[in-house]
């Protein structure tokens, strides 16, 4: 089994496999230049390799990806019985900044956005369905594209979202406001809806539909920037009512850390709003108690 085949067995995408293969060539090239056999690699050699990467101008993010490729490499050696340990297991780069979502919208604004869009664009069924899935379930465009008609259970009031390589599947409640739109969308398929695997929305036109939807939403509210902003707003709102693990499930996040960053985003937005609307009060509070 080759390294590429091993990565395929772990359900990595072709693009990710190419990236790991590229980074692995860097590592094996360094081993050869240092006359080090893979079996002789331990923590000290990994530190030396990371210092070499940094000296060459590699960013912390690039070094982290490089280490990930190295971890897979030694796991592969163990799988093919060419090695017995993984010196890179548990070795990670700390302090890598993660981009935080910004400009979150509150639930009232999202619901008003949905109502206004449905009233002004009554003829755009596709747009109304997409917006409902964004506002009420916080789906990504990829997840919307993969929805099948059988995933919508109107009688149960539930939506089944299929998992993928980078996100988990889940079962989410439908909002009463979107049921009618979904029912019309399903009825529009007619007899085709009985075909297994039939998509809820035509993937060929979905990208164009999302683009048109976004343009319309920006006209209704200039603060709208992207569909990711809407999803982030929904997740932030969920965190006001549910714990992190529950929201992790609802959002389909593989890792709790992906969910927790929205907690920080909510605090930053709150601080920004306070600073904008109550600067005097904050100044007095700081003077009276010493520091915030």
C-alpha atoms as a PDB file:
ATOM      1  CA  UNK A   1       0.000   0.000   0.000  1.00  0.00           C
ATOM      2  CA  UNK A   2       1.480   3.313  -1.082  1.00  0.00           C
ATOM      3  CA  UNK A   3       1.327   6.506   0.984  1.00  0.00           C
ATOM      4  CA  UNK A   4      -1.275   7.865  -1.435  1.00  0.00           C
ATOM      5  CA  UNK A   5      -3.415   4.738  -1.099  1.00  0.00           C
ATOM      6  CA  UNK A   6      -3.159   4.972   2.685  1.00  0.00           C
ATOM      7  CA  UNK A   7      -4.464   8.554   2.608  1.00  0.00           C
ATOM      8  CA  UNK A   8      -7.265   7.491   0.281  1.00  0.00           C
ATOM      9  CA  UNK A   9      -8.267   4.808   2.790  1.00  0.00           C
ATOM     10  CA  UNK A  10      -8.555   7.594   5.380  1.00  0.00           C
ATOM     11  CA  UNK A  11     -11.036   9.375   3.108  1.00  0.00           C
ATOM     12  CA  UNK A  12      -8.790  12.328   2.259  1.00  0.00           C
ATOM     13  CA  UNK A  13      -9.604  14.314  -0.862  1.00  0.00           C
ATOM     14  CA  UNK A  14      -7.305  14.176  -3.933  1.00  0.00           C
ATOM     15  CA  UNK A  15      -6.250  17.796  -3.293  1.00  0.00           C
ATOM     16  CA  UNK A  16      -5.308  17.010   0.311  1.00  0.00           C
ATOM     17  CA  UNK A  17      -3.378  13.921  -0.774  1.00  0.00           C
ATOM     18  CA  UNK A  18      -1.376  15.969  -3.276  1.00  0.00           C
ATOM     19  CA  UNK A  19      -0.610  18.533  -0.575  1.00  0.00           C
ATOM     20  CA  UNK A  20       0.567  15.892   1.906  1.00  0.00           C
ATOM     21  CA  UNK A  21       2.698  14.212  -0.755  1.00  0.00           C
ATOM     22  CA  UNK A  22       4.329  17.542  -1.569  1.00  0.00           C
ATOM     23  CA  UNK A  23       5.100  18.242   2.087  1.00  0.00           C
ATOM     24  CA  UNK A  24       6.331  14.701   2.622  1.00  0.00           C
ATOM     25  CA  UNK A  25       8.906  15.173  -0.150  1.00  0.00           C
ATOM     26  CA  UNK A  26      10.256  18.128   1.800  1.00  0.00           C
ATOM     27  CA  UNK A  27      10.606  15.989   4.927  1.00  0.00           C
ATOM     28  CA  UNK A  28      12.192  12.975   3.245  1.00  0.00           C
ATOM     29  CA  UNK A  29      14.545  15.306   1.359  1.00  0.00           C
ATOM     30  CA  UNK A  30      15.657  16.814   4.663  1.00  0.00           C
ATOM     31  CA  UNK A  31      16.177  13.339   6.136  1.00  0.00           C
ATOM     32  CA  UNK A  32      18.433  12.404   3.229  1.00  0.00           C
ATOM     33  CA  UNK A  33      20.441  15.624   3.529  1.00  0.00           C
ATOM     34  CA  UNK A  34      20.944  14.938   7.241  1.00  0.00           C
ATOM     35  CA  UNK A  35      21.654  11.215   6.650  1.00  0.00           C
ATOM     36  CA  UNK A  36      18.814  10.237   9.004  1.00  0.00           C
ATOM     37  CA  UNK A  37      16.815   7.054   8.507  1.00  0.00           C
ATOM     38  CA  UNK A  38      13.062   7.322   9.262  1.00  0.00           C
ATOM     39  CA  UNK A  39      13.507   4.759  12.063  1.00  0.00           C
ATOM     40  CA  UNK A  40      16.016   7.096  13.687  1.00  0.00           C
ATOM     41  CA  UNK A  41      13.646  10.057  13.904  1.00  0.00           C
ATOM     42  CA  UNK A  42      12.668  11.110  17.412  1.00  0.00           C
ATOM     43  CA  UNK A  43      11.506  14.306  19.097  1.00  0.00           C
ATOM     44  CA  UNK A  44      14.910  16.012  18.814  1.00  0.00           C
ATOM     45  CA  UNK A  45      15.089  15.382  15.065  1.00  0.00           C
ATOM     46  CA  UNK A  46      11.574  16.777  14.623  1.00  0.00           C
ATOM     47  CA  UNK A  47      12.562  19.943  16.494  1.00  0.00           C
ATOM     48  CA  UNK A  48      15.607  20.302  14.271  1.00  0.00           C
ATOM     49  CA  UNK A  49      13.426  19.841  11.199  1.00  0.00           C
ATOM     50  CA  UNK A  50      10.962  22.492  12.402  1.00  0.00           C
ATOM     51  CA  UNK A  51      13.799  24.939  13.110  1.00  0.00           C
ATOM     52  CA  UNK A  52      15.102  24.283   9.609  1.00  0.00           C
ATOM     53  CA  UNK A  53      11.683  25.066   8.151  1.00  0.00           C
ATOM     54  CA  UNK A  54      11.387  28.290  10.143  1.00  0.00           C
ATOM     55  CA  UNK A  55      14.898  29.331   9.154  1.00  0.00           C
ATOM     56  CA  UNK A  56      13.798  28.896   5.553  1.00  0.00           C
ATOM     57  CA  UNK A  57      11.002  31.396   6.058  1.00  0.00           C
ATOM     58  CA  UNK A  58       8.115  28.960   6.529  1.00  0.00           C
ATOM     59  CA  UNK A  59       5.169  30.343   8.467  1.00  0.00           C
ATOM     60  CA  UNK A  60       3.796  28.667  11.599  1.00  0.00           C
ATOM     61  CA  UNK A  61       0.771  27.574   9.571  1.00  0.00           C
ATOM     62  CA  UNK A  62       3.016  25.953   6.935  1.00  0.00           C
ATOM     63  CA  UNK A  63       5.047  24.175   9.623  1.00  0.00           C
ATOM     64  CA  UNK A  64       1.807  22.878  11.176  1.00  0.00           C
ATOM     65  CA  UNK A  65       0.681  21.430   7.838  1.00  0.00           C
ATOM     66  CA  UNK A  66       4.151  19.935   7.364  1.00  0.00           C
ATOM     67  CA  UNK A  67       3.908  18.225  10.752  1.00  0.00           C
ATOM     68  CA  UNK A  68       0.492  16.876   9.848  1.00  0.00           C
ATOM     69  CA  UNK A  69       1.961  15.275   6.727  1.00  0.00           C
ATOM     70  CA  UNK A  70       4.784  13.809   8.819  1.00  0.00           C
ATOM     71  CA  UNK A  71       2.300  12.322  11.295  1.00  0.00           C
ATOM     72  CA  UNK A  72       0.431  10.651   8.438  1.00  0.00           C
ATOM     73  CA  UNK A  73       3.739   9.419   7.032  1.00  0.00           C
ATOM     74  CA  UNK A  74       4.722   7.592  10.222  1.00  0.00           C
ATOM     75  CA  UNK A  75       1.177   6.238  10.668  1.00  0.00           C
ATOM     76  CA  UNK A  76       1.461   4.842   7.147  1.00  0.00           C
ATOM     77  CA  UNK A  77       4.814   3.219   7.994  1.00  0.00           C
ATOM     78  CA  UNK A  78       3.183   1.567  10.995  1.00  0.00           C
ATOM     79  CA  UNK A  79       0.266   0.392   8.833  1.00  0.00           C
ATOM     80  CA  UNK A  80       2.587  -1.303   6.340  1.00  0.00           C
ATOM     81  CA  UNK A  81       4.756  -2.634   9.203  1.00  0.00           C
ATOM     82  CA  UNK A  82       7.795  -0.601   8.109  1.00  0.00           C
ATOM     83  CA  UNK A  83       7.954   1.140  11.488  1.00  0.00           C
ATOM     84  CA  UNK A  84       6.637   0.684  15.006  1.00  0.00           C
ATOM     85  CA  UNK A  85       6.168   4.198  16.382  1.00  0.00           C
ATOM     86  CA  UNK A  86       5.119   7.709  15.380  1.00  0.00           C
ATOM     87  CA  UNK A  87       7.486  10.325  16.830  1.00  0.00           C
ATOM     88  CA  UNK A  88       5.234  13.107  15.513  1.00  0.00           C
ATOM     89  CA  UNK A  89       2.178  11.925  17.454  1.00  0.00           C
ATOM     90  CA  UNK A  90       1.230  14.615  19.935  1.00  0.00           C
ATOM     91  CA  UNK A  91       3.618  17.181  18.438  1.00  0.00           C
ATOM     92  CA  UNK A  92       1.700  20.297  17.424  1.00  0.00           C
ATOM     93  CA  UNK A  93       2.412  23.957  16.768  1.00  0.00           C
ATOM     94  CA  UNK A  94       0.727  26.153  19.365  1.00  0.00           C
ATOM     95  CA  UNK A  95      -0.379  29.727  19.043  1.00  0.00           C
ATOM     96  CA  UNK A  96      -1.571  29.632  15.435  1.00  0.00           C
ATOM     97  CA  UNK A  97      -4.157  32.414  15.047  1.00  0.00           C
ATOM     98  CA  UNK A  98      -7.551  31.346  13.723  1.00  0.00           C
ATOM     99  CA  UNK A  99      -9.719  33.714  11.770  1.00  0.00           C
ATOM    100  CA  UNK A 100     -12.763  34.628  13.784  1.00  0.00           C
ATOM    101  CA  UNK A 101     -16.141  35.354  12.235  1.00  0.00           C
ATOM    102  CA  UNK A 102     -17.125  39.008  12.532  1.00  0.00           C
ATOM    103  CA  UNK A 103     -20.203  41.145  11.992  1.00  0.00           C
ATOM    104  CA  UNK A 104     -22.654  38.671  13.467  1.00  0.00           C
ATOM    105  CA  UNK A 105     -26.378  39.410  13.061  1.00  0.00           C
ATOM    106  CA  UNK A 106     -28.928  38.874  15.853  1.00  0.00           C
ATOM    107  CA  UNK A 107     -31.843  36.500  15.456  1.00  0.00           C
ATOM    108  CA  UNK A 108     -34.418  39.297  15.044  1.00  0.00           C
ATOM    109  CA  UNK A 109     -32.470  40.735  12.122  1.00  0.00           C
ATOM    110  CA  UNK A 110     -32.186  37.311  10.475  1.00  0.00           C
ATOM    111  CA  UNK A 111     -35.884  36.579  10.821  1.00  0.00           C
ATOM    112  CA  UNK A 112     -36.802  40.015   9.509  1.00  0.00           C
ATOM    113  CA  UNK A 113     -34.466  39.447   6.580  1.00  0.00           C
ATOM    114  CA  UNK A 114     -36.224  36.175   5.789  1.00  0.00           C
ATOM    115  CA  UNK A 115     -39.703  37.719   6.006  1.00  0.00           C
ATOM    116  CA  UNK A 116     -38.795  40.691   3.819  1.00  0.00           C
ATOM    117  CA  UNK A 117     -37.133  38.520   1.201  1.00  0.00           C
ATOM    118  CA  UNK A 118     -40.123  36.158   1.006  1.00  0.00           C
ATOM    119  CA  UNK A 119     -42.490  39.114   0.557  1.00  0.00           C
ATOM    120  CA  UNK A 120     -40.459  41.004  -2.037  1.00  0.00           C
ATOM    121  CA  UNK A 121     -39.208  37.974  -3.980  1.00  0.00           C
ATOM    122  CA  UNK A 122     -42.289  35.756  -3.856  1.00  0.00           C
ATOM    123  CA  UNK A 123     -41.547  34.247  -7.273  1.00  0.00           C
ATOM    124  CA  UNK A 124     -38.046  33.008  -6.385  1.00  0.00           C
ATOM    125  CA  UNK A 125     -38.825  29.679  -4.742  1.00  0.00           C
ATOM    126  CA  UNK A 126     -35.222  28.495  -4.915  1.00  0.00           C
ATOM    127  CA  UNK A 127     -33.977  31.632  -3.147  1.00  0.00           C
ATOM    128  CA  UNK A 128     -36.561  31.339  -0.390  1.00  0.00           C
ATOM    129  CA  UNK A 129     -35.701  27.693   0.233  1.00  0.00           C
ATOM    130  CA  UNK A 130     -31.963  28.436   0.347  1.00  0.00           C
ATOM    131  CA  UNK A 131     -32.408  31.394   2.700  1.00  0.00           C
ATOM    132  CA  UNK A 132     -34.605  29.329   5.006  1.00  0.00           C
ATOM    133  CA  UNK A 133     -31.955  26.607   5.229  1.00  0.00           C
ATOM    134  CA  UNK A 134     -29.345  29.254   6.013  1.00  0.00           C
ATOM    135  CA  UNK A 135     -31.359  31.162   8.610  1.00  0.00           C
ATOM    136  CA  UNK A 136     -33.110  28.310  10.414  1.00  0.00           C
ATOM    137  CA  UNK A 137     -30.636  25.411  10.105  1.00  0.00           C
ATOM    138  CA  UNK A 138     -27.360  27.259   9.520  1.00  0.00           C
ATOM    139  CA  UNK A 139     -26.373  24.986   6.624  1.00  0.00           C
ATOM    140  CA  UNK A 140     -23.424  25.555   4.332  1.00  0.00           C
ATOM    141  CA  UNK A 141     -23.925  25.849   0.577  1.00  0.00           C
ATOM    142  CA  UNK A 142     -22.216  22.472   0.163  1.00  0.00           C
ATOM    143  CA  UNK A 143     -24.698  20.839   2.527  1.00  0.00           C
ATOM    144  CA  UNK A 144     -27.623  22.492   0.740  1.00  0.00           C
ATOM    145  CA  UNK A 145     -26.306  21.201  -2.572  1.00  0.00           C
ATOM    146  CA  UNK A 146     -26.224  17.636  -1.256  1.00  0.00           C
ATOM    147  CA  UNK A 147     -29.715  17.631   0.219  1.00  0.00           C
ATOM    148  CA  UNK A 148     -32.010  15.025  -1.262  1.00  0.00           C
ATOM    149  CA  UNK A 149     -35.800  15.223  -1.290  1.00  0.00           C
ATOM    150  CA  UNK A 150     -36.003  12.282   1.111  1.00  0.00           C
ATOM    151  CA  UNK A 151     -33.877  14.202   3.614  1.00  0.00           C
ATOM    152  CA  UNK A 152     -36.789  16.576   4.202  1.00  0.00           C
ATOM    153  CA  UNK A 153     -39.334  14.958   6.533  1.00  0.00           C
ATOM    154  CA  UNK A 154     -42.252  17.389   6.570  1.00  0.00           C
ATOM    155  CA  UNK A 155     -44.462  15.036   8.559  1.00  0.00           C
ATOM    156  CA  UNK A 156     -41.813  14.888  11.287  1.00  0.00           C
ATOM    157  CA  UNK A 157     -40.831  18.536  10.965  1.00  0.00           C
ATOM    158  CA  UNK A 158     -37.205  17.428  10.632  1.00  0.00           C
ATOM    159  CA  UNK A 159     -34.307  17.799   8.200  1.00  0.00           C
ATOM    160  CA  UNK A 160     -31.596  15.163   7.837  1.00  0.00           C
ATOM    161  CA  UNK A 161     -28.195  16.569   6.871  1.00  0.00           C
ATOM    162  CA  UNK A 162     -25.668  14.111   5.484  1.00  0.00           C
ATOM    163  CA  UNK A 163     -22.122  14.118   6.838  1.00  0.00           C
ATOM    164  CA  UNK A 164     -19.031  14.689   4.740  1.00  0.00           C
ATOM    165  CA  UNK A 165     -15.264  14.607   4.902  1.00  0.00           C
ATOM    166  CA  UNK A 166     -15.014  17.814   6.916  1.00  0.00           C
ATOM    167  CA  UNK A 167     -18.377  17.956   8.673  1.00  0.00           C
ATOM    168  CA  UNK A 168     -20.726  15.695  10.596  1.00  0.00           C
ATOM    169  CA  UNK A 169     -24.258  14.688   9.724  1.00  0.00           C
ATOM    170  CA  UNK A 170     -27.113  15.718  11.962  1.00  0.00           C
ATOM    171  CA  UNK A 171     -30.872  15.897  12.423  1.00  0.00           C
ATOM    172  CA  UNK A 172     -32.357  19.407  12.705  1.00  0.00           C
ATOM    173  CA  UNK A 173     -35.807  20.817  13.335  1.00  0.00           C
ATOM    174  CA  UNK A 174     -37.624  22.653  10.579  1.00  0.00           C
ATOM    175  CA  UNK A 175     -39.104  26.061  11.329  1.00  0.00           C
ATOM    176  CA  UNK A 176     -42.807  26.542  10.649  1.00  0.00           C
ATOM    177  CA  UNK A 177     -42.006  29.555   8.479  1.00  0.00           C
ATOM    178  CA  UNK A 178     -40.067  27.468   5.953  1.00  0.00           C
ATOM    179  CA  UNK A 179     -42.294  24.388   5.739  1.00  0.00           C
ATOM    180  CA  UNK A 180     -44.548  25.836   3.044  1.00  0.00           C
ATOM    181  CA  UNK A 181     -41.583  26.777   0.841  1.00  0.00           C
ATOM    182  CA  UNK A 182     -40.043  23.321   1.205  1.00  0.00           C
ATOM    183  CA  UNK A 183     -43.360  21.632   0.430  1.00  0.00           C
ATOM    184  CA  UNK A 184     -43.747  23.671  -2.764  1.00  0.00           C
ATOM    185  CA  UNK A 185     -40.188  22.834  -3.753  1.00  0.00           C
ATOM    186  CA  UNK A 186     -40.771  19.112  -3.237  1.00  0.00           C
ATOM    187  CA  UNK A 187     -44.080  19.194  -5.115  1.00  0.00           C
ATOM    188  CA  UNK A 188     -42.374  20.939  -8.036  1.00  0.00           C
ATOM    189  CA  UNK A 189     -40.388  17.741  -8.636  1.00  0.00           C
ATOM    190  CA  UNK A 190     -43.592  15.762  -9.156  1.00  0.00           C
ATOM    191  CA  UNK A 191     -42.995  12.110  -9.925  1.00  0.00           C
ATOM    192  CA  UNK A 192     -39.231  12.679  -9.926  1.00  0.00           C
ATOM    193  CA  UNK A 193     -39.355  13.032  -6.146  1.00  0.00           C
ATOM    194  CA  UNK A 194     -39.833   9.260  -5.931  1.00  0.00           C
ATOM    195  CA  UNK A 195     -36.426   8.641  -7.480  1.00  0.00           C
ATOM    196  CA  UNK A 196     -33.841   7.790  -4.852  1.00  0.00           C
ATOM    197  CA  UNK A 197     -30.999  10.308  -4.702  1.00  0.00           C
ATOM    198  CA  UNK A 198     -33.031  13.106  -6.275  1.00  0.00           C
ATOM    199  CA  UNK A 199     -31.607  16.453  -5.140  1.00  0.00           C
ATOM    200  CA  UNK A 200     -33.875  18.946  -3.427  1.00  0.00           C
ATOM    201  CA  UNK A 201     -32.330  21.768  -5.465  1.00  0.00           C
ATOM    202  CA  UNK A 202     -30.710  21.611  -8.887  1.00  0.00           C
ATOM    203  CA  UNK A 203     -26.989  21.760  -8.197  1.00  0.00           C
ATOM    204  CA  UNK A 204     -26.302  23.167 -11.668  1.00  0.00           C
ATOM    205  CA  UNK A 205     -28.241  26.323 -10.886  1.00  0.00           C
ATOM    206  CA  UNK A 206     -27.537  26.485  -7.150  1.00  0.00           C
ATOM    207  CA  UNK A 207     -24.399  28.617  -7.436  1.00  0.00           C
ATOM    208  CA  UNK A 208     -26.227  31.153  -9.579  1.00  0.00           C
ATOM    209  CA  UNK A 209     -29.164  31.020  -7.169  1.00  0.00           C
ATOM    210  CA  UNK A 210     -26.931  31.746  -4.167  1.00  0.00           C
ATOM    211  CA  UNK A 211     -25.268  34.629  -6.017  1.00  0.00           C
ATOM    212  CA  UNK A 212     -28.630  36.207  -6.878  1.00  0.00           C
ATOM    213  CA  UNK A 213     -29.868  35.638  -3.335  1.00  0.00           C
ATOM    214  CA  UNK A 214     -26.842  37.373  -1.850  1.00  0.00           C
ATOM    215  CA  UNK A 215     -27.260  40.398  -4.118  1.00  0.00           C
ATOM    216  CA  UNK A 216     -30.914  40.687  -3.105  1.00  0.00           C
ATOM    217  CA  UNK A 217     -30.072  40.373   0.586  1.00  0.00           C
ATOM    218  CA  UNK A 218     -27.464  43.129   0.354  1.00  0.00           C
ATOM    219  CA  UNK A 219     -30.111  45.418  -1.091  1.00  0.00           C
ATOM    220  CA  UNK A 220     -32.445  44.597   1.783  1.00  0.00           C
ATOM    221  CA  UNK A 221     -29.729  45.058   4.388  1.00  0.00           C
ATOM    222  CA  UNK A 222     -26.273  46.473   3.475  1.00  0.00           C
ATOM    223  CA  UNK A 223     -24.637  44.791   6.479  1.00  0.00           C
ATOM    224  CA  UNK A 224     -25.030  41.391   4.780  1.00  0.00           C
ATOM    225  CA  UNK A 225     -21.637  40.307   3.467  1.00  0.00           C
ATOM    226  CA  UNK A 226     -21.807  36.574   2.753  1.00  0.00           C
ATOM    227  CA  UNK A 227     -23.701  33.349   3.364  1.00  0.00           C
ATOM    228  CA  UNK A 228     -20.914  32.397   5.799  1.00  0.00           C
ATOM    229  CA  UNK A 229     -21.827  35.458   7.852  1.00  0.00           C
ATOM    230  CA  UNK A 230     -25.425  34.237   8.073  1.00  0.00           C
ATOM    231  CA  UNK A 231     -24.336  30.746   9.154  1.00  0.00           C
ATOM    232  CA  UNK A 232     -21.965  32.231  11.730  1.00  0.00           C
ATOM    233  CA  UNK A 233     -24.764  34.395  13.094  1.00  0.00           C
ATOM    234  CA  UNK A 234     -27.010  31.356  13.505  1.00  0.00           C
ATOM    235  CA  UNK A 235     -24.289  29.413  15.344  1.00  0.00           C
ATOM    236  CA  UNK A 236     -23.591  32.401  17.601  1.00  0.00           C
ATOM    237  CA  UNK A 237     -27.306  32.630  18.412  1.00  0.00           C
ATOM    238  CA  UNK A 238     -27.454  28.903  19.211  1.00  0.00           C
ATOM    239  CA  UNK A 239     -24.643  29.357  21.729  1.00  0.00           C
ATOM    240  CA  UNK A 240     -26.902  31.729  23.675  1.00  0.00           C
ATOM    241  CA  UNK A 241     -29.334  28.866  24.314  1.00  0.00           C
ATOM    242  CA  UNK A 242     -27.375  25.582  24.135  1.00  0.00           C
ATOM    243  CA  UNK A 243     -24.049  24.273  25.404  1.00  0.00           C
ATOM    244  CA  UNK A 244     -21.000  23.906  23.159  1.00  0.00           C
ATOM    245  CA  UNK A 245     -21.462  20.172  22.554  1.00  0.00           C
ATOM    246  CA  UNK A 246     -25.076  20.632  21.509  1.00  0.00           C
ATOM    247  CA  UNK A 247     -24.161  23.453  19.129  1.00  0.00           C
ATOM    248  CA  UNK A 248     -21.239  21.426  17.799  1.00  0.00           C
ATOM    249  CA  UNK A 249     -23.751  18.756  16.791  1.00  0.00           C
ATOM    250  CA  UNK A 250     -26.232  21.271  15.335  1.00  0.00           C
ATOM    251  CA  UNK A 251     -23.511  22.999  13.310  1.00  0.00           C
ATOM    252  CA  UNK A 252     -21.969  19.734  12.095  1.00  0.00           C
ATOM    253  CA  UNK A 253     -18.520  20.669  13.384  1.00  0.00           C
ATOM    254  CA  UNK A 254     -15.963  17.882  13.612  1.00  0.00           C
ATOM    255  CA  UNK A 255     -14.229  19.549  16.556  1.00  0.00           C
ATOM    256  CA  UNK A 256     -15.534  21.529  19.528  1.00  0.00           C
ATOM    257  CA  UNK A 257     -12.842  24.177  18.935  1.00  0.00           C
ATOM    258  CA  UNK A 258     -14.602  25.121  15.702  1.00  0.00           C
ATOM    259  CA  UNK A 259     -17.719  25.859  17.717  1.00  0.00           C
ATOM    260  CA  UNK A 260     -15.958  27.616  20.586  1.00  0.00           C
ATOM    261  CA  UNK A 261     -14.518  30.316  18.356  1.00  0.00           C
ATOM    262  CA  UNK A 262     -18.055  31.613  17.848  1.00  0.00           C
ATOM    263  CA  UNK A 263     -18.269  32.211  21.587  1.00  0.00           C
ATOM    264  CA  UNK A 264     -15.282  34.518  21.320  1.00  0.00           C
ATOM    265  CA  UNK A 265     -16.795  36.183  18.268  1.00  0.00           C
ATOM    266  CA  UNK A 266     -19.966  36.927  20.204  1.00  0.00           C
ATOM    267  CA  UNK A 267     -17.985  38.544  23.015  1.00  0.00           C
ATOM    268  CA  UNK A 268     -15.965  40.651  20.584  1.00  0.00           C
ATOM    269  CA  UNK A 269     -19.102  41.853  18.826  1.00  0.00           C
ATOM    270  CA  UNK A 270     -20.675  42.735  22.170  1.00  0.00           C
ATOM    271  CA  UNK A 271     -17.596  44.705  23.192  1.00  0.00           C
ATOM    272  CA  UNK A 272     -17.620  46.540  19.856  1.00  0.00           C
ATOM    273  CA  UNK A 273     -21.296  47.451  20.276  1.00  0.00           C
ATOM    274  CA  UNK A 274     -20.716  48.717  23.817  1.00  0.00           C
ATOM    275  CA  UNK A 275     -17.748  50.768  22.685  1.00  0.00           C
ATOM    276  CA  UNK A 276     -19.798  52.280  19.850  1.00  0.00           C
ATOM    277  CA  UNK A 277     -22.997  53.050  21.728  1.00  0.00           C
ATOM    278  CA  UNK A 278     -21.829  53.606  25.322  1.00  0.00           C
ATOM    279  CA  UNK A 279     -18.272  55.010  25.213  1.00  0.00           C
ATOM    280  CA  UNK A 280     -18.841  57.463  28.079  1.00  0.00           C
ATOM    281  CA  UNK A 281     -20.315  54.873  30.420  1.00  0.00           C
ATOM    282  CA  UNK A 282     -17.409  52.531  29.782  1.00  0.00           C
ATOM    283  CA  UNK A 283     -14.908  55.283  30.501  1.00  0.00           C
ATOM    284  CA  UNK A 284     -16.559  56.133  33.814  1.00  0.00           C
ATOM    285  CA  UNK A 285     -16.730  52.481  34.801  1.00  0.00           C
ATOM    286  CA  UNK A 286     -13.041  52.015  34.084  1.00  0.00           C
ATOM    287  CA  UNK A 287     -12.046  55.089  36.085  1.00  0.00           C
ATOM    288  CA  UNK A 288     -14.145  54.077  39.071  1.00  0.00           C
ATOM    289  CA  UNK A 289     -12.947  50.491  39.353  1.00  0.00           C
ATOM    290  CA  UNK A 290      -9.440  50.908  38.037  1.00  0.00           C
ATOM    291  CA  UNK A 291      -9.547  48.736  34.910  1.00  0.00           C
ATOM    292  CA  UNK A 292     -12.063  46.711  32.936  1.00  0.00           C
END
